[in-house]
Amino acid sequence: MRKNSLDLAWLAVWPVIGVLVWVYYGDTLQWYLVADDFGMLEKGLWGFRLLLTYYCPPHWLPVPNLFFHIFYQLFGVHYSWWHLTSLVLHTFNALLAMVLVSEIYPGKKMTKFLTPVFFVTFAMNYEVVFYISGIFYSLMASMYLLAIVCYSRYLRMSVSNAGNTKMRRMGMLAITAFLMVLALLTQEASSFLIITLFAWELAVHNRNINLPLLEYAKGFYRHTGKYFLLGGMLVLLFCIRFRAFGFPSMSHPSVPSAEEILVNYARAAAYLVFPFSPLLAFEIQRDTIIPIFAILLVSFLLVFWKCKNSRFPLVNIVIALSPTLLFSIIQARYLYLASIFCSMLLASAIDGLADAVSSGVGRAKTAIKLSIVALACFPILFLDKQMLDRRIKEWQKASELSLRIDSFLASTYKTPEMVAGKTLVFLNLPEGVPSSEVWPAYVALVCTHCRFNLMFDRIVASIANVQLYCLPADIIVAFTDTNVFAYAPVIEREALRNMCASPSYDVYVWDSVNERLRQFCESRESIKNGMPQ
């Protein structure tokens, strides 16, 4: 009876998580992010068939493609239902995280409760929760976590020669392999699932074996057959896909430089170790990220040196986090899966701090522990909410701009012949000015891709005919006195002059006074109006 009462008490976590998800993300149901693919779809700026061809082609991402087709038949282009589906998936992943953390930290009830709370409010997940095109990151995470749950069940089943037990174990291993395939067909980041499963058996399932970590690893070769089987299956699947279809065409392809890889890797490490700090999440700059990364690296080395002769549950988390950092050089969306594990780290740290402070105080221990947890969690949740509200306001502005910009493009380019052989160039302002001034050029580029694709009824927009540049320093001096530029390449003065003089180029800049796109060469009297002399 007591156990049932405890289970019923933990059922209260479900509505708590649901309320938090609604408070943090539910208000986006009231308006549409036009910069999101499905926001454009509902407003007629995109076509469903083109969306799937452009973003998740069936030959490379078959699971998201099938998912989108099914839900398109159910919901059509009604953005609210798609977004509600995204929220449900996000909540489901939070509950799966709670199941996993209860196995990693058995008996730690507060850690079990705080992990899903931190995960659902993790501000860096806004790209997955807000963007409907980010749903398949949630799908991949669900399959990833379910595979770990099934594999844990497989490990817990007693090894026996009895036919029923052996069949059940093999069946659970087969389900794990099936979920691994589905996860890989949803997102490439799930290829590191095999590492997580290895770490799970090493650091969680066998935690009671009294062997040092390194000694246990040396004798682990007897248990690696299934890992070669599962890992070989993933490698074979990868090879077949690459051989048959080539490398996938990403929606925003980019090849970062060595410096960019280092900076972005360091930024991702900061996100994961201090995931709930808005200053680190959005305001950190290049000149401060490298020292922070060095401090984090030293900290990890000290932890490893201190714990090298013992196995502890965090090993699997550290191993699982490291590969996902490699994907963070592409988009913040790849941090979605990693944020589940870093939420476990943060929850266990706060729970441990509360235990340490409240130890030895007798009957007041529970009250003091809850007070410590509340004091630690409230500023984290409050700052995350403030950061999300700021991002929502920026996206609302982008949505308004996209409607006006698309209206301008639709009236300027009415037929395919009007854009045939034409290159559109959008001039961006430097990063130092307010975001409302930087957004328009990027939004114009995205809207132009959509407008051209609809006009030709096929994927035609590319870097070749729609380009984004940052104004040169001697021209933007009239706009701002900073020398910090956006990530768009800086166009040379002579190249800009040639573009303005050529009929093959239409060069636009955002007129912040009248809030509209205008031809960059409209005004020739001064640099202040933008024309190079």
Protein backbone atom coordinates (compact mmCIF):
# COMPACT_ATOMS: atom_id res chain seq x y z
CA MET A 1 0.00 0.00 0.00
CA ARG A 2 2.84 2.32 0.84
CA LYS A 3 4.47 1.66 -2.52
CA ASN A 4 1.23 2.43 -4.34
CA SER A 5 0.89 5.68 -2.42
CA LEU A 6 4.43 6.63 -3.43
CA ASP A 7 3.68 5.85 -7.07
CA LEU A 8 0.53 7.94 -6.92
CA ALA A 9 2.51 10.78 -5.40
CA TRP A 10 4.99 10.71 -8.26
CA LEU A 11 2.12 10.87 -10.74
CA ALA A 12 1.89 14.52 -9.67
CA VAL A 13 5.06 15.08 -11.70
CA TRP A 14 3.07 14.68 -14.93
CA PRO A 15 0.79 17.71 -14.50
CA VAL A 16 3.72 19.75 -13.14
CA ILE A 17 5.76 19.06 -16.27
CA GLY A 18 2.74 19.75 -18.48
CA VAL A 19 2.09 23.10 -16.79
CA LEU A 20 5.75 24.12 -17.13
CA VAL A 21 5.78 23.25 -20.83
CA TRP A 22 2.62 25.29 -21.39
CA VAL A 23 3.90 28.29 -19.39
CA TYR A 24 7.24 28.35 -21.20
CA TYR A 25 6.17 27.46 -24.73
CA GLY A 26 2.38 27.39 -24.92
CA ASP A 27 1.94 31.08 -25.70
CA THR A 28 3.46 30.47 -29.13
CA LEU A 29 0.18 28.80 -30.08
CA GLN A 30 -1.34 32.27 -30.30
CA TRP A 31 0.81 33.44 -33.20
CA TYR A 32 2.85 31.95 -36.01
CA LEU A 33 6.57 32.00 -36.61
CA VAL A 34 6.66 32.79 -40.30
CA ALA A 35 10.41 32.21 -40.32
CA ASP A 36 9.59 28.60 -39.45
CA ASP A 37 8.91 26.32 -42.40
CA PHE A 38 5.40 25.39 -41.30
CA GLY A 39 4.56 28.98 -40.46
CA MET A 40 5.38 29.76 -44.08
CA LEU A 41 3.36 26.76 -45.18
CA GLU A 42 0.21 27.96 -43.42
CA LYS A 43 0.54 31.48 -44.78
CA GLY A 44 0.96 30.24 -48.33
CA LEU A 45 4.66 31.16 -48.58
CA TRP A 46 5.71 27.54 -49.03
CA GLY A 47 4.41 24.31 -50.54
CA PHE A 48 4.12 21.07 -48.57
CA ARG A 49 5.71 18.95 -51.29
CA LEU A 50 8.53 21.46 -51.67
CA LEU A 51 8.97 21.56 -47.91
CA LEU A 52 9.57 17.82 -47.73
CA THR A 53 11.88 17.86 -50.75
CA TYR A 54 13.84 20.75 -49.29
CA TYR A 55 14.01 19.78 -45.63
CA CYS A 56 13.48 16.04 -45.16
CA PRO A 57 13.67 14.10 -48.45
CA PRO A 58 12.22 10.58 -48.21
CA HIS A 59 15.43 8.86 -49.32
CA TRP A 60 17.53 10.44 -46.55
CA LEU A 61 15.11 11.12 -43.68
CA PRO A 62 12.30 8.62 -44.27
CA VAL A 63 10.90 8.58 -40.72
CA PRO A 64 10.32 12.38 -40.49
CA ASN A 65 9.00 12.34 -44.05
CA LEU A 66 6.44 9.65 -43.19
CA PHE A 67 5.58 11.43 -39.93
CA PHE A 68 4.97 14.70 -41.77
CA HIS A 69 2.78 12.98 -44.37
CA ILE A 70 0.61 11.32 -41.72
CA PHE A 71 0.16 14.49 -39.68
CA TYR A 72 -0.43 16.54 -42.80
CA GLN A 73 -3.38 14.28 -43.57
CA LEU A 74 -4.65 14.77 -39.99
CA PHE A 75 -3.96 18.46 -39.40
CA GLY A 76 -3.38 19.98 -42.82
CA VAL A 77 -1.47 23.24 -42.48
CA HIS A 78 -3.02 24.31 -39.17
CA TYR A 79 0.03 25.45 -37.28
CA SER A 80 -1.57 25.16 -33.81
CA TRP A 81 -2.04 21.40 -34.07
CA TRP A 82 1.51 20.88 -35.28
CA HIS A 83 2.82 22.98 -32.43
CA LEU A 84 0.70 21.09 -29.92
CA THR A 85 2.25 17.87 -31.24
CA SER A 86 5.69 19.37 -30.68
CA LEU A 87 4.79 20.23 -27.08
CA VAL A 88 3.47 16.72 -26.43
CA LEU A 89 6.69 15.17 -27.77
CA HIS A 90 8.75 17.53 -25.65
CA THR A 91 6.77 16.53 -22.54
CA PHE A 92 7.08 12.83 -23.40
CA ASN A 93 10.87 13.16 -23.67
CA ALA A 94 10.94 14.83 -20.26
CA LEU A 95 9.12 11.86 -18.74
CA LEU A 96 11.51 9.43 -20.44
CA ALA A 97 14.38 11.42 -18.93
CA MET A 98 12.76 10.96 -15.52
CA VAL A 99 12.63 7.19 -16.08
CA LEU A 100 16.32 7.07 -17.00
CA VAL A 101 17.49 9.27 -14.15
CA SER A 102 15.66 7.03 -11.66
CA GLU A 103 17.94 4.19 -12.82
CA ILE A 104 21.11 6.28 -12.83
CA TYR A 105 20.44 7.74 -9.37
CA PRO A 106 18.26 5.18 -7.54
CA GLY A 107 16.70 6.58 -4.40
CA LYS A 108 17.32 10.21 -5.43
CA LYS A 109 13.72 11.43 -5.56
CA MET A 110 14.58 15.11 -5.87
CA THR A 111 16.95 14.43 -8.77
CA LYS A 112 14.20 12.42 -10.43
CA PHE A 113 11.82 15.36 -10.08
CA LEU A 114 14.24 18.16 -11.06
CA THR A 115 15.61 16.51 -14.21
CA PRO A 116 12.42 16.82 -16.32
CA VAL A 117 11.77 20.28 -14.86
CA PHE A 118 15.16 21.56 -16.04
CA PHE A 119 14.88 19.81 -19.38
CA VAL A 120 11.48 21.21 -20.37
CA THR A 121 12.60 24.74 -19.45
CA PHE A 122 16.04 24.55 -21.11
CA ALA A 123 16.04 27.74 -23.17
CA MET A 124 18.37 26.48 -25.90
CA ASN A 125 15.67 23.99 -26.93
CA TYR A 126 13.51 26.78 -28.34
CA GLU A 127 14.64 25.90 -31.88
CA VAL A 128 13.14 22.42 -31.49
CA VAL A 129 10.01 23.37 -29.57
CA PHE A 130 9.18 26.53 -31.54
CA TYR A 131 10.07 25.36 -35.04
CA ILE A 132 7.67 22.74 -36.36
CA SER A 133 10.41 21.61 -38.72
CA GLY A 134 12.34 20.71 -35.55
CA ILE A 135 9.83 18.01 -34.61
CA PHE A 136 12.04 15.22 -35.87
CA TYR A 137 14.73 16.22 -33.35
CA SER A 138 12.11 15.43 -30.70
CA LEU A 139 11.28 12.20 -32.54
CA MET A 140 14.93 11.19 -32.65
CA ALA A 141 15.33 11.93 -28.93
CA SER A 142 12.25 9.82 -28.11
CA MET A 143 13.60 6.82 -30.02
CA TYR A 144 17.07 7.37 -28.54
CA LEU A 145 15.74 7.34 -24.97
CA LEU A 146 13.33 4.46 -25.61
CA ALA A 147 16.24 2.42 -26.97
CA ILE A 148 18.14 3.02 -23.72
CA VAL A 149 15.07 2.00 -21.68
CA CYS A 150 14.65 -1.22 -23.69
CA TYR A 151 18.36 -2.00 -23.46
CA SER A 152 18.22 -1.48 -19.70
CA ARG A 153 15.34 -3.98 -19.53
CA TYR A 154 17.44 -6.40 -21.58
CA LEU A 155 20.34 -6.09 -19.14
CA ARG A 156 18.11 -6.56 -16.09
CA MET A 157 16.64 -9.84 -17.36
CA SER A 158 18.45 -12.69 -15.68
CA VAL A 159 20.71 -14.74 -17.93
CA SER A 160 19.18 -18.20 -17.98
CA ASN A 161 19.08 -21.21 -20.21
CA ALA A 162 15.30 -21.31 -19.90
CA GLY A 163 13.73 -20.88 -23.31
CA ASN A 164 11.20 -18.21 -22.35
CA THR A 165 13.75 -16.01 -20.58
CA LYS A 166 16.26 -16.30 -23.39
CA MET A 167 13.64 -15.47 -26.00
CA ARG A 168 12.47 -12.44 -24.02
CA ARG A 169 16.04 -11.16 -23.71
CA MET A 170 16.68 -11.59 -27.42
CA GLY A 171 13.34 -9.95 -28.19
CA MET A 172 14.23 -6.94 -26.07
CA LEU A 173 17.62 -6.69 -27.78
CA ALA A 174 15.88 -6.86 -31.17
CA ILE A 175 13.52 -4.04 -30.13
CA THR A 176 16.56 -2.00 -29.10
CA ALA A 177 18.16 -2.56 -32.51
CA PHE A 178 14.89 -1.61 -34.25
CA LEU A 179 14.68 1.64 -32.28
CA MET A 180 18.31 2.37 -33.15
CA VAL A 181 17.51 2.02 -36.85
CA LEU A 182 14.46 4.29 -36.54
CA ALA A 183 16.50 6.87 -34.64
CA LEU A 184 19.24 6.82 -37.28
CA LEU A 185 16.66 7.21 -40.06
CA THR A 186 15.36 10.26 -38.18
CA GLN A 187 18.60 12.10 -37.42
CA GLU A 188 22.30 11.34 -37.91
CA ALA A 189 23.12 12.42 -34.34
CA SER A 190 21.62 9.15 -33.09
CA SER A 191 24.63 7.28 -34.52
CA PHE A 192 26.27 7.84 -31.12
CA LEU A 193 23.58 5.77 -29.40
CA ILE A 194 25.89 2.76 -29.48
CA ILE A 195 28.36 4.69 -27.29
CA THR A 196 25.63 5.53 -24.80
CA LEU A 197 24.52 1.88 -24.60
CA PHE A 198 28.09 0.78 -23.97
CA ALA A 199 28.46 3.38 -21.22
CA TRP A 200 25.09 2.40 -19.74
CA GLU A 201 26.17 -1.21 -19.22
CA LEU A 202 29.60 -0.15 -18.01
CA ALA A 203 28.59 2.55 -15.54
CA VAL A 204 24.95 1.98 -14.61
CA HIS A 205 23.99 -1.67 -14.93
CA ASN A 206 27.24 -2.98 -13.38
CA ARG A 207 27.63 -0.31 -10.71
CA ASN A 208 27.57 -2.86 -7.88
CA ILE A 209 30.59 -4.79 -9.14
CA ASN A 210 33.50 -3.76 -6.94
CA LEU A 211 36.08 -3.18 -9.65
CA PRO A 212 37.95 0.00 -10.60
CA LEU A 213 36.80 1.58 -13.84
CA LEU A 214 39.98 0.91 -15.82
CA GLU A 215 40.26 -2.71 -14.64
CA TYR A 216 36.64 -3.37 -15.50
CA ALA A 217 37.13 -1.87 -18.96
CA LYS A 218 40.09 -4.18 -19.63
CA GLY A 219 37.94 -7.26 -19.05
CA PHE A 220 34.94 -5.96 -20.92
CA TYR A 221 35.91 -7.66 -24.19
CA ARG A 222 33.82 -10.70 -23.20
CA HIS A 223 30.63 -8.64 -23.43
CA THR A 224 31.30 -6.67 -26.61
CA GLY A 225 29.76 -9.06 -29.16
CA LYS A 226 26.41 -7.34 -29.13
CA TYR A 227 28.08 -3.94 -29.51
CA PHE A 228 29.91 -5.09 -32.62
CA LEU A 229 26.58 -6.42 -33.89
CA LEU A 230 24.65 -3.20 -33.16
CA GLY A 231 27.49 -0.91 -34.22
CA GLY A 232 28.09 -2.87 -37.42
CA MET A 233 24.40 -2.59 -38.23
CA LEU A 234 24.60 1.20 -37.93
CA VAL A 235 27.78 1.41 -40.03
CA LEU A 236 26.22 -0.79 -42.72
CA LEU A 237 23.10 1.35 -42.78
CA PHE A 238 25.22 4.50 -43.10
CA CYS A 239 27.25 3.01 -45.95
CA ILE A 240 24.13 1.94 -47.85
CA ARG A 241 22.63 5.40 -47.53
CA PHE A 242 25.82 7.18 -48.59
CA ARG A 243 26.42 4.74 -51.45
CA ALA A 244 22.88 4.97 -52.78
CA PHE A 245 22.02 8.60 -52.20
CA GLY A 246 25.22 10.49 -51.49
CA PHE A 247 25.70 13.02 -48.74
CA PRO A 248 22.46 14.76 -47.70
CA SER A 249 21.69 18.23 -48.99
CA MET A 250 21.37 20.31 -45.84
CA SER A 251 18.94 23.21 -45.81
CA HIS A 252 21.66 25.61 -44.64
CA PRO A 253 24.97 24.08 -45.71
CA SER A 254 28.17 25.54 -44.37
CA VAL A 255 31.74 24.41 -43.88
CA PRO A 256 33.13 26.15 -40.79
CA SER A 257 36.76 27.13 -40.56
CA ALA A 258 39.08 25.66 -37.93
CA GLU A 259 38.62 28.77 -35.80
CA GLU A 260 34.82 28.54 -36.08
CA ILE A 261 34.90 24.87 -35.07
CA LEU A 262 36.96 25.68 -31.97
CA VAL A 263 34.77 28.62 -30.99
CA ASN A 264 31.51 26.76 -31.57
CA TYR A 265 32.75 23.66 -29.79
CA ALA A 266 33.73 25.80 -26.81
CA ARG A 267 30.37 27.57 -26.88
CA ALA A 268 28.59 24.21 -26.94
CA ALA A 269 30.60 23.04 -23.94
CA ALA A 270 29.57 26.17 -22.09
CA TYR A 271 25.92 25.54 -22.99
CA LEU A 272 26.07 22.03 -21.60
CA VAL A 273 27.97 22.71 -18.41
CA PHE A 274 26.12 25.94 -17.63
CA PRO A 275 22.96 25.25 -19.63
CA PHE A 276 20.67 27.62 -17.79
CA SER A 277 22.76 30.78 -17.92
CA PRO A 278 21.33 33.30 -20.41
CA LEU A 279 24.63 35.17 -20.47
CA LEU A 280 26.40 32.08 -21.76
CA ALA A 281 23.57 31.02 -24.02
CA PHE A 282 23.26 34.16 -26.13
CA GLU A 283 25.59 36.95 -25.03
CA ILE A 284 28.98 35.25 -24.84
CA GLN A 285 31.60 36.57 -27.27
CA ARG A 286 34.70 35.17 -28.92
CA ASP A 287 37.14 36.95 -26.62
CA THR A 288 35.62 35.32 -23.51
CA ILE A 289 34.64 31.86 -24.74
CA ILE A 290 38.18 30.48 -25.06
CA PRO A 291 39.15 31.13 -21.39
CA ILE A 292 35.85 29.62 -20.27
CA PHE A 293 36.50 26.57 -22.42
CA ALA A 294 40.00 26.23 -20.90
CA ILE A 295 38.52 26.37 -17.39
CA LEU A 296 35.95 23.72 -18.29
CA LEU A 297 38.63 21.48 -19.78
CA VAL A 298 40.77 21.71 -16.65
CA SER A 299 37.71 20.98 -14.51
CA PHE A 300 36.89 17.84 -16.51
CA LEU A 301 40.50 16.65 -16.25
CA LEU A 302 40.48 17.14 -12.47
CA VAL A 303 37.23 15.20 -12.15
CA PHE A 304 38.60 12.36 -14.27
CA TRP A 305 41.85 12.25 -12.26
CA LYS A 306 39.94 12.21 -8.98
CA CYS A 307 37.58 9.43 -10.07
CA LYS A 308 39.84 7.37 -12.33
CA ASN A 309 39.89 4.42 -9.89
CA SER A 310 36.15 4.24 -9.37
CA ARG A 311 33.12 3.82 -11.56
CA PHE A 312 30.23 6.19 -11.00
CA PRO A 313 26.96 6.82 -12.87
CA LEU A 314 28.10 10.09 -14.46
CA VAL A 315 30.52 8.23 -16.74
CA ASN A 316 27.78 7.37 -19.18
CA ILE A 317 26.56 10.96 -19.19
CA VAL A 318 30.02 12.37 -19.97
CA ILE A 319 30.53 9.85 -22.78
CA ALA A 320 27.09 10.54 -24.19
CA LEU A 321 27.60 14.30 -24.14
CA SER A 322 30.96 14.47 -25.85
CA PRO A 323 29.94 13.23 -29.34
CA THR A 324 26.88 15.47 -29.46
CA LEU A 325 29.15 18.48 -29.05
CA LEU A 326 30.57 17.73 -32.49
CA PHE A 327 27.14 18.26 -34.04
CA SER A 328 26.62 21.56 -32.25
CA ILE A 329 28.84 23.29 -34.82
CA ILE A 330 25.89 23.03 -37.21
CA GLN A 331 22.83 24.16 -35.25
CA ALA A 332 21.69 24.63 -31.68
CA ARG A 333 19.02 22.01 -32.38
CA TYR A 334 21.64 19.30 -32.00
CA LEU A 335 21.95 20.26 -28.33
CA TYR A 336 18.39 19.01 -27.71
CA LEU A 337 19.45 15.44 -26.97
CA ALA A 338 22.50 16.53 -24.98
CA SER A 339 20.35 18.86 -22.86
CA ILE A 340 18.56 15.80 -21.45
CA PHE A 341 21.79 14.49 -19.98
CA CYS A 342 23.05 17.86 -18.80
CA SER A 343 19.71 18.33 -17.02
CA MET A 344 20.51 15.14 -15.12
CA LEU A 345 23.88 16.60 -14.17
CA LEU A 346 22.40 19.87 -12.94
CA ALA A 347 19.58 18.16 -11.03
CA SER A 348 21.98 15.79 -9.28
CA ALA A 349 24.30 18.67 -8.41
CA ILE A 350 21.51 20.71 -6.80
CA ASP A 351 20.16 17.64 -5.00
CA GLY A 352 23.64 16.85 -3.70
CA LEU A 353 24.15 20.44 -2.56
CA ALA A 354 20.83 20.37 -0.71
CA ASP A 355 21.76 17.07 0.96
CA ALA A 356 25.13 18.45 2.05
CA VAL A 357 23.65 21.64 3.53
CA SER A 358 20.76 19.89 5.29
CA SER A 359 22.75 16.99 6.74
CA GLY A 360 22.84 16.77 10.53
CA VAL A 361 19.97 19.14 11.23
CA GLY A 362 17.55 16.51 12.51
CA ARG A 363 13.84 16.93 11.98
CA ALA A 364 14.23 20.12 9.93
CA LYS A 365 16.26 18.35 7.25
CA THR A 366 13.40 18.05 4.74
CA ALA A 367 12.36 21.69 5.10
CA ILE A 368 15.94 22.96 4.74
CA LYS A 369 16.55 20.73 1.71
CA LEU A 370 13.42 21.98 -0.03
CA SER A 371 14.43 25.58 0.74
CA ILE A 372 17.88 25.07 -0.80
CA VAL A 373 16.35 23.48 -3.91
CA ALA A 374 13.85 26.34 -4.27
CA LEU A 375 16.56 29.00 -3.87
CA ALA A 376 18.70 27.30 -6.53
CA CYS A 377 15.89 26.60 -9.01
CA PHE A 378 13.88 29.82 -8.93
CA PRO A 379 16.51 32.14 -10.47
CA ILE A 380 17.34 29.51 -13.10
CA LEU A 381 13.72 29.12 -14.20
CA PHE A 382 13.10 32.87 -14.02
CA LEU A 383 16.12 33.78 -16.17
CA ASP A 384 15.26 31.09 -18.70
CA LYS A 385 11.75 32.47 -19.02
CA GLN A 386 13.10 35.99 -19.52
CA MET A 387 15.41 34.79 -22.27
CA LEU A 388 12.62 32.89 -24.02
CA ASP A 389 10.33 35.92 -23.89
CA ARG A 390 13.06 38.01 -25.51
CA ARG A 391 13.52 35.47 -28.28
CA ILE A 392 9.76 35.33 -28.86
CA LYS A 393 9.60 39.10 -29.30
CA GLU A 394 12.42 38.96 -31.84
CA TRP A 395 10.65 36.20 -33.78
CA GLN A 396 7.38 38.10 -33.68
CA LYS A 397 9.21 41.01 -35.28
CA ALA A 398 10.67 38.64 -37.86
CA SER A 399 7.19 37.30 -38.61
CA GLU A 400 5.86 40.79 -39.26
CA LEU A 401 8.84 41.60 -41.46
CA SER A 402 8.51 38.42 -43.48
CA LEU A 403 4.92 39.20 -44.45
CA ARG A 404 5.86 42.69 -45.66
CA ILE A 405 8.98 41.48 -47.43
CA ASP A 406 7.15 38.65 -49.19
CA SER A 407 4.46 41.09 -50.30
CA PHE A 408 7.20 43.30 -51.77
CA LEU A 409 8.84 40.36 -53.55
CA ALA A 410 5.51 39.11 -54.91
CA SER A 411 4.73 42.53 -56.40
CA THR A 412 8.26 43.01 -57.80
CA TYR A 413 8.78 39.56 -59.33
CA LYS A 414 5.46 38.37 -60.75
CA THR A 415 6.62 35.78 -63.28
CA PRO A 416 9.49 33.27 -63.51
CA GLU A 417 10.90 35.24 -66.46
CA MET A 418 11.45 38.25 -64.20
CA VAL A 419 13.87 36.29 -62.00
CA ALA A 420 15.48 34.15 -64.70
CA GLY A 421 19.19 34.94 -64.79
CA LYS A 422 18.77 37.44 -61.95
CA THR A 423 20.75 37.46 -58.71
CA LEU A 424 19.23 39.05 -55.62
CA VAL A 425 21.63 40.49 -53.05
CA PHE A 426 20.55 41.54 -49.57
CA LEU A 427 22.91 43.76 -47.61
CA ASN A 428 23.03 43.08 -43.90
CA LEU A 429 23.93 45.58 -41.21
CA PRO A 430 26.61 44.74 -38.63
CA GLU A 431 25.90 42.66 -35.57
CA GLY A 432 26.51 45.61 -33.29
CA VAL A 433 23.20 47.29 -34.14
CA PRO A 434 19.86 46.17 -32.60
CA SER A 435 18.60 42.80 -33.77
CA SER A 436 15.53 44.41 -35.34
CA GLU A 437 17.94 46.05 -37.81
CA VAL A 438 19.88 42.86 -38.56
CA TRP A 439 16.89 40.55 -38.96
CA PRO A 440 15.37 42.03 -42.16
CA ALA A 441 18.18 41.02 -44.50
CA TYR A 442 18.18 37.43 -43.26
CA VAL A 443 14.38 37.22 -43.32
CA ALA A 444 14.41 38.66 -46.86
CA LEU A 445 16.81 35.92 -47.94
CA VAL A 446 14.58 33.18 -46.46
CA CYS A 447 11.42 34.69 -47.97
CA THR A 448 13.10 34.93 -51.38
CA HIS A 449 13.96 31.24 -51.30
CA CYS A 450 10.32 30.43 -50.60
CA ARG A 451 8.96 32.86 -53.21
CA PHE A 452 11.24 31.54 -55.96
CA ASN A 453 10.46 27.92 -55.10
CA LEU A 454 6.73 28.57 -55.30
CA MET A 455 7.14 30.51 -58.52
CA PHE A 456 9.01 27.72 -60.27
CA ASP A 457 7.22 24.91 -58.38
CA ARG A 458 10.55 23.24 -57.70
CA ILE A 459 13.67 23.75 -55.61
CA VAL A 460 15.54 26.48 -57.47
CA ALA A 461 16.71 28.95 -54.84
CA SER A 462 20.34 28.51 -53.90
CA ILE A 463 23.36 30.46 -52.79
CA ALA A 464 23.99 31.23 -56.47
CA ASN A 465 20.97 33.45 -57.04
CA VAL A 466 20.09 34.68 -53.53
CA GLN A 467 22.99 36.11 -51.54
CA LEU A 468 23.52 37.86 -48.24
CA TYR A 469 26.42 40.25 -47.61
CA CYS A 470 27.49 42.61 -44.88
CA LEU A 471 28.21 46.22 -45.81
CA PRO A 472 31.87 47.32 -45.86
CA ALA A 473 33.20 49.26 -42.91
CA ASP A 474 33.58 52.54 -44.81
CA ILE A 475 29.91 52.42 -45.83
CA ILE A 476 28.35 51.29 -42.57
CA VAL A 477 30.08 54.07 -40.66
CA ALA A 478 26.96 56.11 -41.28
CA PHE A 479 24.85 53.45 -39.58
CA THR A 480 26.98 52.59 -36.56
CA ASP A 481 30.41 53.24 -35.10
CA THR A 482 31.15 49.59 -34.31
CA ASN A 483 33.41 47.31 -36.32
CA VAL A 484 31.68 44.07 -35.26
CA PHE A 485 30.04 42.44 -38.27
CA ALA A 486 27.47 39.75 -38.75
CA TYR A 487 28.53 36.33 -40.01
CA ALA A 488 27.61 37.24 -43.57
CA PRO A 489 30.71 37.80 -45.74
CA VAL A 490 31.74 41.44 -46.14
CA ILE A 491 31.37 42.58 -49.72
CA GLU A 492 34.20 44.58 -51.25
CA ARG A 493 33.53 48.15 -52.27
CA GLU A 494 34.37 47.59 -55.94
CA ALA A 495 32.23 44.45 -56.13
CA LEU A 496 29.30 46.33 -54.63
CA ARG A 497 29.68 49.13 -57.18
CA ASN A 498 29.75 46.61 -60.04
CA MET A 499 26.65 44.85 -58.72
CA CYS A 500 24.73 48.12 -58.52
CA ALA A 501 25.69 48.95 -62.11
CA SER A 502 24.81 45.52 -63.52
CA PRO A 503 21.23 44.71 -64.64
CA SER A 504 21.83 41.10 -63.59
CA TYR A 505 21.86 42.08 -59.92
CA ASP A 506 19.12 43.53 -57.76
CA VAL A 507 20.77 44.86 -54.60
CA TYR A 508 18.56 45.64 -51.61
CA VAL A 509 19.14 47.14 -48.18
CA TRP A 510 16.70 47.58 -45.31
CA ASP A 511 15.42 51.12 -44.88
CA SER A 512 15.04 51.30 -41.10
CA VAL A 513 13.26 54.67 -41.23
CA ASN A 514 10.43 53.54 -43.50
CA GLU A 515 10.78 49.84 -42.55
CA ARG A 516 10.96 48.52 -46.08
CA LEU A 517 13.39 47.03 -48.55
CA ARG A 518 14.78 49.53 -51.03
CA GLN A 519 17.17 49.38 -53.93
CA PHE A 520 20.65 50.04 -52.60
CA CYS A 521 21.49 52.31 -55.55
CA GLU A 522 18.37 54.50 -55.22
CA SER A 523 20.31 57.34 -53.61
CA ARG A 524 23.66 58.38 -55.13
CA GLU A 525 24.39 61.60 -53.33
CA SER A 526 26.15 60.35 -50.18
CA ILE A 527 27.57 57.37 -48.36
CA LYS A 528 25.03 58.02 -45.66
CA ASN A 529 22.32 56.78 -48.00
CA GLY A 530 24.38 53.72 -48.80
CA MET A 531 25.78 54.20 -52.33
CA PRO A 532 29.56 53.73 -52.64
CA GLN A 533 31.14 56.78 -54.24
